[in-house]
Amino acid sequence: MKKWLIILLIAISGRSLFAQSTTAVRPVIDSVKAKWGKVKNVNGTAMVSSNNIIENIALSNEYSLLVRAIADAGLTETFKSKGPITFFAPTNKAFENLPAGELDTLLKPSHKFDLSYLITSHAVVGRLSVKDIQKKITSNNGEASFLTIAGTKLTAKIDVNRNIVLIDDNGGQCIISKFDIQQSNGMLHIINAVLVPKTKNI
């Protein structure tokens, strides 16, 4: 009888301690959430909504070429600004899939304007979620157009696999592979190809 009483007391005590521990930890978790905002895992990198676009893409090596391109184009402060900006961000692999020598040419100081034009052709004023893009596609008979900061046009469609496809002025296409990554100054979507504006010889 004593043995069962001891076991019961230990069990009750353990539950009490666990409840107290959970109660003590919860304010810490709430404090972290309040500081960081929403956290989204993007290919192993935790991007937080309290960061701006530059701060978040700089966290991952997958966007090192993009970060460099933005810096070389003199656009770092633009993508740190209050915004809001919706940015379709190409991965390193997307840049590496450009024609041979094209990226090296773009990164030369003499091509700073062309590089700036290319990068801003991936940015739209406002905070657009995938739901917003889908809604506009649906309301426009399967196709929606967006004006970029560069003044170029992006066309959005939904393919047979329900992916959102972006089409540049040259007819080049990319898929939004990761979406709705909230930023303090806008929205980030990851794309699998670089969008090349038509009116510039790059």
N, C-alpha and C. Protein backbone atom coordinates (compact mmCIF):
# COMPACT_ATOMS: atom_id res chain seq x y z
N MET A 1 0.82 -1.20 0.00
CA MET A 1 0.00 0.00 0.00
C MET A 1 0.86 1.26 0.00
N LYS A 2 1.91 1.25 0.84
CA LYS A 2 2.81 2.39 0.90
C LYS A 2 3.52 2.59 -0.44
N LYS A 3 3.88 1.45 -1.06
CA LYS A 3 4.58 1.51 -2.34
C LYS A 3 3.72 2.21 -3.39
N TRP A 4 2.45 1.85 -3.48
CA TRP A 4 1.56 2.47 -4.45
C TRP A 4 1.32 3.94 -4.13
N LEU A 5 1.28 4.28 -2.87
CA LEU A 5 1.09 5.66 -2.45
C LEU A 5 2.28 6.53 -2.87
N ILE A 6 3.49 5.96 -2.72
CA ILE A 6 4.71 6.69 -3.11
C ILE A 6 4.72 6.92 -4.62
N ILE A 7 4.36 5.86 -5.38
CA ILE A 7 4.32 5.98 -6.85
C ILE A 7 3.32 7.05 -7.27
N LEU A 8 2.15 7.06 -6.61
CA LEU A 8 1.12 8.04 -6.93
C LEU A 8 1.58 9.46 -6.65
N LEU A 9 2.27 9.63 -5.51
CA LEU A 9 2.78 10.95 -5.14
C LEU A 9 3.84 11.44 -6.12
N ILE A 10 4.70 10.52 -6.56
CA ILE A 10 5.74 10.88 -7.54
C ILE A 10 5.11 11.31 -8.86
N ALA A 11 4.08 10.55 -9.27
CA ALA A 11 3.40 10.87 -10.53
C ALA A 11 2.75 12.24 -10.48
N ILE A 12 2.06 12.51 -9.35
CA ILE A 12 1.39 13.81 -9.19
C ILE A 12 2.42 14.93 -9.15
N SER A 13 3.51 14.69 -8.44
CA SER A 13 4.58 15.68 -8.34
C SER A 13 5.19 15.97 -9.70
N GLY A 14 5.40 14.90 -10.48
CA GLY A 14 5.99 15.06 -11.81
C GLY A 14 5.12 15.89 -12.71
N ARG A 15 3.80 15.61 -12.65
CA ARG A 15 2.87 16.38 -13.48
C ARG A 15 2.88 17.84 -13.09
N SER A 16 2.96 18.08 -11.80
CA SER A 16 2.98 19.45 -11.29
C SER A 16 4.22 20.19 -11.76
N LEU A 17 5.37 19.50 -11.68
CA LEU A 17 6.62 20.11 -12.12
C LEU A 17 6.59 20.39 -13.62
N PHE A 18 6.04 19.43 -14.39
CA PHE A 18 5.97 19.59 -15.84
C PHE A 18 5.09 20.78 -16.20
N ALA A 19 3.97 20.91 -15.50
CA ALA A 19 3.05 22.01 -15.75
C ALA A 19 3.72 23.34 -15.44
N GLN A 20 4.48 23.38 -14.31
CA GLN A 20 5.17 24.60 -13.93
C GLN A 20 6.24 24.94 -14.95
N SER A 21 6.95 23.90 -15.42
CA SER A 21 8.02 24.10 -16.40
C SER A 21 7.46 24.65 -17.70
N THR A 22 6.33 24.07 -18.15
CA THR A 22 5.70 24.53 -19.39
C THR A 22 5.24 25.97 -19.26
N THR A 23 4.67 26.29 -18.09
CA THR A 23 4.21 27.65 -17.84
C THR A 23 5.36 28.64 -17.84
N ALA A 24 6.51 28.19 -17.31
CA ALA A 24 7.68 29.06 -17.25
C ALA A 24 8.30 29.29 -18.62
N VAL A 25 8.25 28.25 -19.47
CA VAL A 25 8.88 28.34 -20.79
C VAL A 25 8.02 29.16 -21.76
N ARG A 26 6.70 29.10 -21.61
CA ARG A 26 5.80 29.74 -22.57
C ARG A 26 6.07 31.24 -22.76
N PRO A 27 6.28 32.02 -21.67
CA PRO A 27 6.58 33.44 -21.88
C PRO A 27 7.84 33.67 -22.70
N VAL A 28 8.82 32.77 -22.56
CA VAL A 28 10.06 32.89 -23.33
C VAL A 28 9.77 32.69 -24.81
N ILE A 29 8.97 31.64 -25.12
CA ILE A 29 8.59 31.37 -26.51
C ILE A 29 7.81 32.55 -27.08
N ASP A 30 6.85 33.06 -26.31
CA ASP A 30 6.05 34.20 -26.77
C ASP A 30 6.93 35.42 -27.01
N SER A 31 7.94 35.59 -26.14
CA SER A 31 8.86 36.72 -26.28
C SER A 31 9.66 36.61 -27.57
N VAL A 32 10.13 35.38 -27.89
CA VAL A 32 10.90 35.16 -29.11
C VAL A 32 10.03 35.42 -30.33
N LYS A 33 8.78 34.93 -30.30
CA LYS A 33 7.86 35.14 -31.43
C LYS A 33 7.59 36.63 -31.63
N ALA A 34 7.42 37.35 -30.51
CA ALA A 34 7.15 38.78 -30.59
C ALA A 34 8.33 39.52 -31.20
N LYS A 35 9.53 39.06 -30.91
CA LYS A 35 10.75 39.71 -31.41
C LYS A 35 10.98 39.39 -32.88
N TRP A 36 10.82 38.13 -33.26
CA TRP A 36 11.14 37.69 -34.61
C TRP A 36 9.96 37.75 -35.56
N GLY A 37 8.75 37.64 -35.05
CA GLY A 37 7.59 37.53 -35.92
C GLY A 37 7.47 36.12 -36.46
N LYS A 38 6.94 35.98 -37.65
CA LYS A 38 6.77 34.65 -38.24
C LYS A 38 8.10 34.12 -38.76
N VAL A 39 8.33 32.83 -38.54
CA VAL A 39 9.57 32.19 -38.99
C VAL A 39 9.21 31.16 -40.05
N LYS A 40 9.90 31.19 -41.19
CA LYS A 40 9.64 30.22 -42.25
C LYS A 40 10.94 29.54 -42.66
N ASN A 41 10.90 28.21 -42.73
CA ASN A 41 12.07 27.44 -43.15
C ASN A 41 12.14 27.43 -44.68
N VAL A 42 13.23 27.98 -45.20
CA VAL A 42 13.43 28.02 -46.65
C VAL A 42 14.69 27.23 -46.97
N ASN A 43 14.48 25.98 -47.37
CA ASN A 43 15.61 25.09 -47.69
C ASN A 43 16.64 25.04 -46.57
N GLY A 44 16.15 24.92 -45.34
CA GLY A 44 17.05 24.78 -44.20
C GLY A 44 17.45 26.09 -43.54
N THR A 45 17.03 27.21 -44.10
CA THR A 45 17.35 28.52 -43.52
C THR A 45 16.09 29.12 -42.91
N ALA A 46 16.18 29.52 -41.65
CA ALA A 46 15.04 30.14 -40.98
C ALA A 46 15.00 31.63 -41.32
N MET A 47 14.01 32.02 -42.12
CA MET A 47 13.83 33.42 -42.45
C MET A 47 12.71 33.99 -41.60
N VAL A 48 12.95 35.15 -41.01
CA VAL A 48 12.00 35.71 -40.05
C VAL A 48 11.38 37.00 -40.60
N SER A 49 10.12 37.19 -40.28
CA SER A 49 9.38 38.31 -40.87
C SER A 49 9.80 39.67 -40.33
N SER A 50 10.57 39.69 -39.24
CA SER A 50 11.05 40.97 -38.72
C SER A 50 12.29 41.45 -39.47
N ASN A 51 12.87 40.58 -40.31
CA ASN A 51 14.02 40.97 -41.14
C ASN A 51 13.54 41.58 -42.45
N ASN A 52 14.37 42.45 -43.03
CA ASN A 52 14.06 42.93 -44.37
C ASN A 52 14.56 41.94 -45.42
N ILE A 53 14.30 42.23 -46.67
CA ILE A 53 14.63 41.31 -47.76
C ILE A 53 16.12 40.98 -47.79
N ILE A 54 16.96 41.98 -47.69
CA ILE A 54 18.41 41.76 -47.72
C ILE A 54 18.86 40.90 -46.55
N GLU A 55 18.38 41.21 -45.37
CA GLU A 55 18.77 40.47 -44.17
C GLU A 55 18.42 38.99 -44.30
N ASN A 56 17.27 38.69 -44.87
CA ASN A 56 16.86 37.29 -44.98
C ASN A 56 17.61 36.53 -46.07
N ILE A 57 17.75 37.10 -47.25
CA ILE A 57 18.43 36.34 -48.31
C ILE A 57 19.92 36.19 -48.01
N ALA A 58 20.47 37.10 -47.21
CA ALA A 58 21.88 37.01 -46.84
C ALA A 58 22.15 35.87 -45.85
N LEU A 59 21.09 35.33 -45.27
CA LEU A 59 21.24 34.23 -44.30
C LEU A 59 21.62 32.92 -44.96
N SER A 60 21.32 32.78 -46.25
CA SER A 60 21.53 31.51 -46.94
C SER A 60 22.55 31.63 -48.07
N ASN A 61 23.43 30.64 -48.16
CA ASN A 61 24.41 30.60 -49.25
C ASN A 61 23.75 30.39 -50.61
N GLU A 62 22.50 29.92 -50.62
CA GLU A 62 21.80 29.68 -51.88
C GLU A 62 21.50 30.97 -52.64
N TYR A 63 21.62 32.11 -51.96
CA TYR A 63 21.31 33.39 -52.59
C TYR A 63 22.51 34.33 -52.59
N SER A 64 23.71 33.76 -52.45
CA SER A 64 24.92 34.59 -52.38
C SER A 64 25.15 35.38 -53.67
N LEU A 65 24.85 34.77 -54.82
CA LEU A 65 25.01 35.48 -56.09
C LEU A 65 24.01 36.63 -56.21
N LEU A 66 22.81 36.40 -55.70
CA LEU A 66 21.79 37.45 -55.72
C LEU A 66 22.19 38.61 -54.82
N VAL A 67 22.68 38.29 -53.63
CA VAL A 67 23.11 39.34 -52.69
C VAL A 67 24.24 40.16 -53.32
N ARG A 68 25.18 39.47 -53.97
CA ARG A 68 26.28 40.18 -54.63
C ARG A 68 25.77 41.05 -55.77
N ALA A 69 24.86 40.50 -56.57
CA ALA A 69 24.32 41.24 -57.71
C ALA A 69 23.59 42.50 -57.25
N ILE A 70 22.82 42.38 -56.18
CA ILE A 70 22.10 43.53 -55.64
C ILE A 70 23.09 44.60 -55.17
N ALA A 71 24.15 44.16 -54.50
CA ALA A 71 25.17 45.09 -54.01
C ALA A 71 25.89 45.78 -55.17
N ASP A 72 26.30 44.98 -56.16
CA ASP A 72 27.03 45.54 -57.31
C ASP A 72 26.16 46.49 -58.13
N ALA A 73 24.86 46.27 -58.09
CA ALA A 73 23.93 47.15 -58.82
C ALA A 73 23.59 48.40 -58.02
N GLY A 74 24.08 48.48 -56.78
CA GLY A 74 23.80 49.63 -55.94
C GLY A 74 22.39 49.65 -55.39
N LEU A 75 21.81 48.46 -55.21
CA LEU A 75 20.40 48.36 -54.82
C LEU A 75 20.18 47.85 -53.39
N THR A 76 21.25 47.68 -52.65
CA THR A 76 21.11 47.13 -51.30
C THR A 76 20.15 47.96 -50.45
N GLU A 77 20.32 49.26 -50.46
CA GLU A 77 19.46 50.12 -49.64
C GLU A 77 18.01 50.11 -50.14
N THR A 78 17.83 49.91 -51.44
CA THR A 78 16.47 49.82 -51.99
C THR A 78 15.73 48.64 -51.38
N PHE A 79 16.42 47.49 -51.28
CA PHE A 79 15.77 46.29 -50.76
C PHE A 79 15.82 46.21 -49.23
N LYS A 80 16.43 47.22 -48.62
CA LYS A 80 16.36 47.38 -47.17
C LYS A 80 15.31 48.42 -46.78
N SER A 81 14.82 49.14 -47.77
CA SER A 81 13.91 50.25 -47.51
C SER A 81 12.56 49.76 -46.99
N LYS A 82 11.75 50.71 -46.56
CA LYS A 82 10.46 50.38 -45.95
C LYS A 82 9.53 49.63 -46.89
N GLY A 83 9.64 49.95 -48.19
CA GLY A 83 8.78 49.26 -49.15
C GLY A 83 7.34 49.72 -49.07
N PRO A 84 6.39 48.78 -49.24
CA PRO A 84 6.61 47.33 -49.41
C PRO A 84 6.99 46.94 -50.84
N ILE A 85 7.79 45.89 -50.93
CA ILE A 85 8.26 45.35 -52.21
C ILE A 85 7.97 43.86 -52.24
N THR A 86 7.45 43.39 -53.34
CA THR A 86 7.37 41.95 -53.58
C THR A 86 8.53 41.58 -54.49
N PHE A 87 9.36 40.66 -54.02
CA PHE A 87 10.59 40.33 -54.75
C PHE A 87 10.60 38.86 -55.12
N PHE A 88 10.79 38.60 -56.41
CA PHE A 88 10.91 37.24 -56.92
C PHE A 88 12.41 36.94 -57.02
N ALA A 89 12.90 36.15 -56.09
CA ALA A 89 14.34 35.98 -55.90
C ALA A 89 14.89 34.73 -56.57
N PRO A 90 15.80 34.88 -57.54
CA PRO A 90 16.43 33.71 -58.17
C PRO A 90 17.49 33.11 -57.26
N THR A 91 17.60 31.81 -57.27
CA THR A 91 18.63 31.11 -56.51
C THR A 91 19.97 31.18 -57.26
N ASN A 92 21.03 30.74 -56.58
CA ASN A 92 22.34 30.66 -57.25
C ASN A 92 22.25 29.79 -58.51
N LYS A 93 21.54 28.67 -58.39
CA LYS A 93 21.41 27.76 -59.53
C LYS A 93 20.76 28.45 -60.71
N ALA A 94 19.79 29.31 -60.43
CA ALA A 94 19.12 30.05 -61.49
C ALA A 94 20.11 30.96 -62.22
N PHE A 95 20.95 31.64 -61.46
CA PHE A 95 21.97 32.51 -62.07
C PHE A 95 22.98 31.69 -62.86
N GLU A 96 23.35 30.54 -62.31
CA GLU A 96 24.34 29.69 -62.98
C GLU A 96 23.81 29.10 -64.29
N ASN A 97 22.49 29.07 -64.43
CA ASN A 97 21.89 28.55 -65.67
C ASN A 97 21.75 29.59 -66.77
N LEU A 98 22.19 30.82 -66.49
CA LEU A 98 22.23 31.83 -67.55
C LEU A 98 23.25 31.40 -68.60
N PRO A 99 23.13 31.90 -69.83
CA PRO A 99 24.13 31.57 -70.85
C PRO A 99 25.55 31.85 -70.37
N ALA A 100 26.48 31.05 -70.83
CA ALA A 100 27.88 31.16 -70.40
C ALA A 100 28.40 32.58 -70.55
N GLY A 101 29.00 33.09 -69.48
CA GLY A 101 29.62 34.41 -69.51
C GLY A 101 28.69 35.56 -69.22
N GLU A 102 27.38 35.32 -69.23
CA GLU A 102 26.43 36.42 -69.06
C GLU A 102 26.48 37.02 -67.66
N LEU A 103 26.56 36.17 -66.65
CA LEU A 103 26.61 36.67 -65.28
C LEU A 103 27.91 37.45 -65.04
N ASP A 104 29.02 36.92 -65.52
CA ASP A 104 30.31 37.61 -65.37
C ASP A 104 30.26 39.00 -66.01
N THR A 105 29.61 39.07 -67.16
CA THR A 105 29.48 40.36 -67.85
C THR A 105 28.63 41.33 -67.03
N LEU A 106 27.52 40.84 -66.51
CA LEU A 106 26.63 41.68 -65.72
C LEU A 106 27.30 42.24 -64.47
N LEU A 107 28.19 41.46 -63.89
CA LEU A 107 28.84 41.87 -62.64
C LEU A 107 30.00 42.84 -62.85
N LYS A 108 30.32 43.14 -64.09
CA LYS A 108 31.38 44.12 -64.36
C LYS A 108 30.85 45.53 -64.08
N PRO A 109 31.70 46.40 -63.51
CA PRO A 109 31.26 47.78 -63.19
C PRO A 109 30.66 48.52 -64.38
N SER A 110 31.15 48.24 -65.57
CA SER A 110 30.65 48.92 -66.77
C SER A 110 29.21 48.52 -67.12
N HIS A 111 28.72 47.44 -66.50
CA HIS A 111 27.36 46.96 -66.77
C HIS A 111 26.43 47.15 -65.56
N LYS A 112 26.79 48.09 -64.71
CA LYS A 112 26.00 48.32 -63.49
C LYS A 112 24.55 48.67 -63.81
N PHE A 113 24.33 49.50 -64.82
CA PHE A 113 22.97 49.88 -65.17
C PHE A 113 22.16 48.68 -65.64
N ASP A 114 22.78 47.85 -66.49
CA ASP A 114 22.11 46.64 -66.98
C ASP A 114 21.76 45.70 -65.83
N LEU A 115 22.69 45.58 -64.89
CA LEU A 115 22.47 44.70 -63.74
C LEU A 115 21.32 45.22 -62.88
N SER A 116 21.31 46.53 -62.67
CA SER A 116 20.23 47.15 -61.90
C SER A 116 18.88 46.93 -62.58
N TYR A 117 18.87 47.05 -63.89
CA TYR A 117 17.65 46.86 -64.68
C TYR A 117 17.15 45.42 -64.55
N LEU A 118 18.07 44.48 -64.57
CA LEU A 118 17.71 43.07 -64.45
C LEU A 118 17.13 42.77 -63.06
N ILE A 119 17.82 43.24 -62.02
CA ILE A 119 17.36 42.96 -60.65
C ILE A 119 16.00 43.58 -60.38
N THR A 120 15.82 44.84 -60.77
CA THR A 120 14.54 45.50 -60.50
C THR A 120 13.40 44.96 -61.37
N SER A 121 13.75 44.19 -62.39
CA SER A 121 12.72 43.50 -63.19
C SER A 121 12.16 42.29 -62.45
N HIS A 122 12.69 42.02 -61.27
CA HIS A 122 12.19 40.93 -60.41
C HIS A 122 11.38 41.48 -59.23
N ALA A 123 11.15 42.79 -59.22
CA ALA A 123 10.51 43.42 -58.05
C ALA A 123 9.25 44.19 -58.45
N VAL A 124 8.23 44.06 -57.62
CA VAL A 124 6.96 44.73 -57.85
C VAL A 124 6.61 45.52 -56.59
N VAL A 125 6.10 46.72 -56.77
CA VAL A 125 5.69 47.53 -55.62
C VAL A 125 4.47 46.89 -54.96
N GLY A 126 4.48 46.81 -53.63
CA GLY A 126 3.37 46.23 -52.89
C GLY A 126 3.73 44.91 -52.24
N ARG A 127 2.79 44.36 -51.53
CA ARG A 127 2.99 43.09 -50.82
C ARG A 127 2.03 42.06 -51.41
N LEU A 128 2.53 41.27 -52.36
CA LEU A 128 1.69 40.30 -53.06
C LEU A 128 1.93 38.89 -52.54
N SER A 129 0.89 38.28 -52.04
CA SER A 129 0.97 36.87 -51.65
C SER A 129 0.61 36.01 -52.86
N VAL A 130 0.87 34.72 -52.77
CA VAL A 130 0.49 33.81 -53.84
C VAL A 130 -1.02 33.84 -54.05
N LYS A 131 -1.75 33.96 -52.97
CA LYS A 131 -3.21 34.04 -53.07
C LYS A 131 -3.63 35.27 -53.88
N ASP A 132 -2.95 36.39 -53.67
CA ASP A 132 -3.25 37.61 -54.42
C ASP A 132 -2.98 37.40 -55.92
N ILE A 133 -1.86 36.75 -56.21
CA ILE A 133 -1.49 36.50 -57.61
C ILE A 133 -2.50 35.55 -58.27
N GLN A 134 -2.85 34.48 -57.55
CA GLN A 134 -3.82 33.52 -58.07
C GLN A 134 -5.17 34.18 -58.32
N LYS A 135 -5.58 35.03 -57.42
CA LYS A 135 -6.87 35.72 -57.55
C LYS A 135 -6.88 36.60 -58.79
N LYS A 136 -5.77 37.29 -59.03
CA LYS A 136 -5.70 38.16 -60.21
C LYS A 136 -5.68 37.34 -61.49
N ILE A 137 -5.00 36.20 -61.46
CA ILE A 137 -4.98 35.31 -62.63
C ILE A 137 -6.39 34.82 -62.95
N THR A 138 -7.09 34.39 -61.92
CA THR A 138 -8.45 33.86 -62.09
C THR A 138 -9.41 34.93 -62.61
N SER A 139 -9.29 36.14 -62.07
CA SER A 139 -10.21 37.22 -62.46
C SER A 139 -9.89 37.79 -63.84
N ASN A 140 -8.72 37.42 -64.40
CA ASN A 140 -8.33 37.91 -65.72
C ASN A 140 -8.24 36.78 -66.74
N ASN A 141 -9.13 35.80 -66.59
CA ASN A 141 -9.23 34.69 -67.55
C ASN A 141 -7.93 33.91 -67.73
N GLY A 142 -7.26 33.64 -66.61
CA GLY A 142 -6.11 32.75 -66.65
C GLY A 142 -4.76 33.39 -66.85
N GLU A 143 -4.72 34.72 -66.86
CA GLU A 143 -3.44 35.41 -67.08
C GLU A 143 -3.46 36.76 -66.39
N ALA A 144 -2.38 37.07 -65.67
CA ALA A 144 -2.30 38.36 -64.98
C ALA A 144 -0.97 39.03 -65.31
N SER A 145 -0.99 40.36 -65.37
CA SER A 145 0.22 41.12 -65.65
C SER A 145 0.59 41.99 -64.46
N PHE A 146 1.89 42.11 -64.22
CA PHE A 146 2.39 42.94 -63.13
C PHE A 146 3.51 43.83 -63.65
N LEU A 147 3.45 45.11 -63.29
CA LEU A 147 4.48 46.05 -63.69
C LEU A 147 5.59 46.04 -62.64
N THR A 148 6.82 45.84 -63.09
CA THR A 148 7.95 45.79 -62.15
C THR A 148 8.49 47.19 -61.87
N ILE A 149 9.36 47.27 -60.89
CA ILE A 149 10.00 48.55 -60.56
C ILE A 149 10.80 49.08 -61.75
N ALA A 150 11.33 48.17 -62.56
CA ALA A 150 12.10 48.55 -63.74
C ALA A 150 11.22 49.07 -64.87
N GLY A 151 9.91 48.87 -64.74
CA GLY A 151 8.99 49.28 -65.80
C GLY A 151 8.71 48.18 -66.80
N THR A 152 9.23 46.98 -66.55
CA THR A 152 8.97 45.84 -67.42
C THR A 152 7.71 45.11 -66.96
N LYS A 153 7.25 44.19 -67.79
CA LYS A 153 6.02 43.47 -67.47
C LYS A 153 6.32 42.00 -67.16
N LEU A 154 5.70 41.52 -66.11
CA LEU A 154 5.72 40.09 -65.80
C LEU A 154 4.31 39.54 -66.00
N THR A 155 4.22 38.43 -66.69
CA THR A 155 2.94 37.76 -66.89
C THR A 155 2.90 36.51 -66.02
N ALA A 156 1.80 36.33 -65.33
CA ALA A 156 1.65 35.17 -64.44
C ALA A 156 0.53 34.26 -64.92
N LYS A 157 0.80 32.97 -64.91
CA LYS A 157 -0.19 31.95 -65.26
C LYS A 157 -0.08 30.79 -64.28
N ILE A 158 -1.06 29.91 -64.32
CA ILE A 158 -1.02 28.69 -63.52
C ILE A 158 -0.91 27.51 -64.47
N ASP A 159 0.11 26.66 -64.27
CA ASP A 159 0.31 25.53 -65.18
C ASP A 159 -0.52 24.32 -64.76
N VAL A 160 -0.38 23.22 -65.49
CA VAL A 160 -1.19 22.03 -65.24
C VAL A 160 -0.89 21.39 -63.89
N ASN A 161 0.27 21.71 -63.32
CA ASN A 161 0.64 21.18 -62.01
C ASN A 161 0.29 22.13 -60.88
N ARG A 162 -0.47 23.17 -61.21
CA ARG A 162 -0.92 24.18 -60.25
C ARG A 162 0.21 25.08 -59.75
N ASN A 163 1.33 25.09 -60.47
CA ASN A 163 2.41 26.02 -60.15
C ASN A 163 2.11 27.39 -60.75
N ILE A 164 2.56 28.43 -60.07
CA ILE A 164 2.49 29.76 -60.67
C ILE A 164 3.74 29.96 -61.52
N VAL A 165 3.52 30.26 -62.78
CA VAL A 165 4.61 30.47 -63.74
C VAL A 165 4.68 31.96 -64.06
N LEU A 166 5.89 32.51 -63.96
CA LEU A 166 6.12 33.90 -64.35
C LEU A 166 6.81 33.92 -65.71
N ILE A 167 6.38 34.82 -66.57
CA ILE A 167 6.92 34.91 -67.93
C ILE A 167 7.44 36.33 -68.16
N ASP A 168 8.71 36.43 -68.59
CA ASP A 168 9.28 37.76 -68.85
C ASP A 168 8.98 38.22 -70.28
N ASP A 169 9.48 39.40 -70.62
CA ASP A 169 9.19 39.98 -71.95
C ASP A 169 9.77 39.17 -73.10
N ASN A 170 10.76 38.34 -72.80
CA ASN A 170 11.37 37.51 -73.84
C ASN A 170 10.68 36.16 -74.00
N GLY A 171 9.69 35.91 -73.14
CA GLY A 171 9.03 34.61 -73.16
C GLY A 171 9.70 33.60 -72.24
N GLY A 172 10.78 34.03 -71.57
CA GLY A 172 11.44 33.16 -70.60
C GLY A 172 10.54 32.91 -69.40
N GLN A 173 10.60 31.70 -68.88
CA GLN A 173 9.68 31.32 -67.80
C GLN A 173 10.42 30.84 -66.55
N CYS A 174 9.76 31.04 -65.43
CA CYS A 174 10.25 30.47 -64.17
C CYS A 174 9.05 30.05 -63.34
N ILE A 175 9.30 29.20 -62.37
CA ILE A 175 8.26 28.74 -61.45
C ILE A 175 8.54 29.29 -60.07
N ILE A 176 7.50 29.71 -59.39
CA ILE A 176 7.65 30.10 -57.98
C ILE A 176 7.74 28.82 -57.17
N SER A 177 8.94 28.54 -56.65
CA SER A 177 9.17 27.27 -55.96
C SER A 177 8.94 27.35 -54.45
N LYS A 178 9.18 28.52 -53.87
CA LYS A 178 8.89 28.79 -52.46
C LYS A 178 8.16 30.11 -52.41
N PHE A 179 7.14 30.19 -51.59
CA PHE A 179 6.32 31.40 -51.66
C PHE A 179 5.86 31.89 -50.29
N ASP A 180 5.39 33.14 -50.31
CA ASP A 180 4.83 33.79 -49.12
C ASP A 180 5.80 33.81 -47.94
N ILE A 181 7.04 34.22 -48.20
CA ILE A 181 8.03 34.39 -47.13
C ILE A 181 7.95 35.86 -46.72
N GLN A 182 7.27 36.11 -45.62
CA GLN A 182 6.99 37.48 -45.22
C GLN A 182 8.26 38.20 -44.76
N GLN A 183 8.37 39.45 -45.17
CA GLN A 183 9.49 40.31 -44.81
C GLN A 183 8.97 41.55 -44.09
N SER A 184 9.84 42.22 -43.37
CA SER A 184 9.41 43.45 -42.71
C SER A 184 9.05 44.52 -43.73
N ASN A 185 9.62 44.41 -44.93
CA ASN A 185 9.38 45.42 -45.97
C ASN A 185 8.74 44.84 -47.24
N GLY A 186 8.04 43.73 -47.09
CA GLY A 186 7.36 43.19 -48.26
C GLY A 186 7.16 41.69 -48.23
N MET A 187 7.26 41.08 -49.41
CA MET A 187 7.05 39.64 -49.55
C MET A 187 8.12 39.07 -50.47
N LEU A 188 8.60 37.88 -50.11
CA LEU A 188 9.64 37.21 -50.89
C LEU A 188 9.10 35.90 -51.45
N HIS A 189 9.34 35.69 -52.74
CA HIS A 189 9.02 34.43 -53.39
C HIS A 189 10.30 33.94 -54.08
N ILE A 190 10.59 32.66 -53.99
CA ILE A 190 11.79 32.10 -54.61
C ILE A 190 11.43 31.54 -55.98
N ILE A 191 12.26 31.85 -56.98
CA ILE A 191 12.01 31.37 -58.34
C ILE A 191 13.21 30.56 -58.85
N ASN A 192 12.96 29.71 -59.83
CA ASN A 192 13.99 28.76 -60.28
C ASN A 192 14.70 29.18 -61.57
N ALA A 193 14.45 30.40 -62.03
CA ALA A 193 15.15 30.91 -63.21
C ALA A 193 15.20 32.43 -63.14
N VAL A 194 16.18 33.01 -63.82
CA VAL A 194 16.32 34.46 -63.86
C VAL A 194 15.41 35.03 -64.94
N LEU A 195 14.69 36.08 -64.60
CA LEU A 195 13.83 36.77 -65.56
C LEU A 195 14.65 37.86 -66.25
N VAL A 196 14.72 37.82 -67.57
CA VAL A 196 15.58 38.74 -68.32
C VAL A 196 14.73 39.75 -69.08
N PRO A 197 14.89 41.04 -68.81
CA PRO A 197 14.11 42.05 -69.52
C PRO A 197 14.48 42.12 -70.99
N LYS A 198 13.51 42.41 -71.82
CA LYS A 198 13.69 42.34 -73.27
C LYS A 198 14.42 43.55 -73.86
N THR A 199 14.22 44.70 -73.28
CA THR A 199 14.66 45.93 -73.93
C THR A 199 16.12 46.28 -73.72
N LYS A 200 16.86 45.43 -73.01
CA LYS A 200 18.27 45.71 -72.79
C LYS A 200 19.12 44.58 -73.34
N ASN A 201 20.22 44.93 -73.95
CA ASN A 201 21.17 43.92 -74.43
C ASN A 201 22.13 43.57 -73.31
N ILE A 202 21.91 42.42 -72.70
CA ILE A 202 22.70 42.00 -71.54
C ILE A 202 23.66 40.89 -71.96
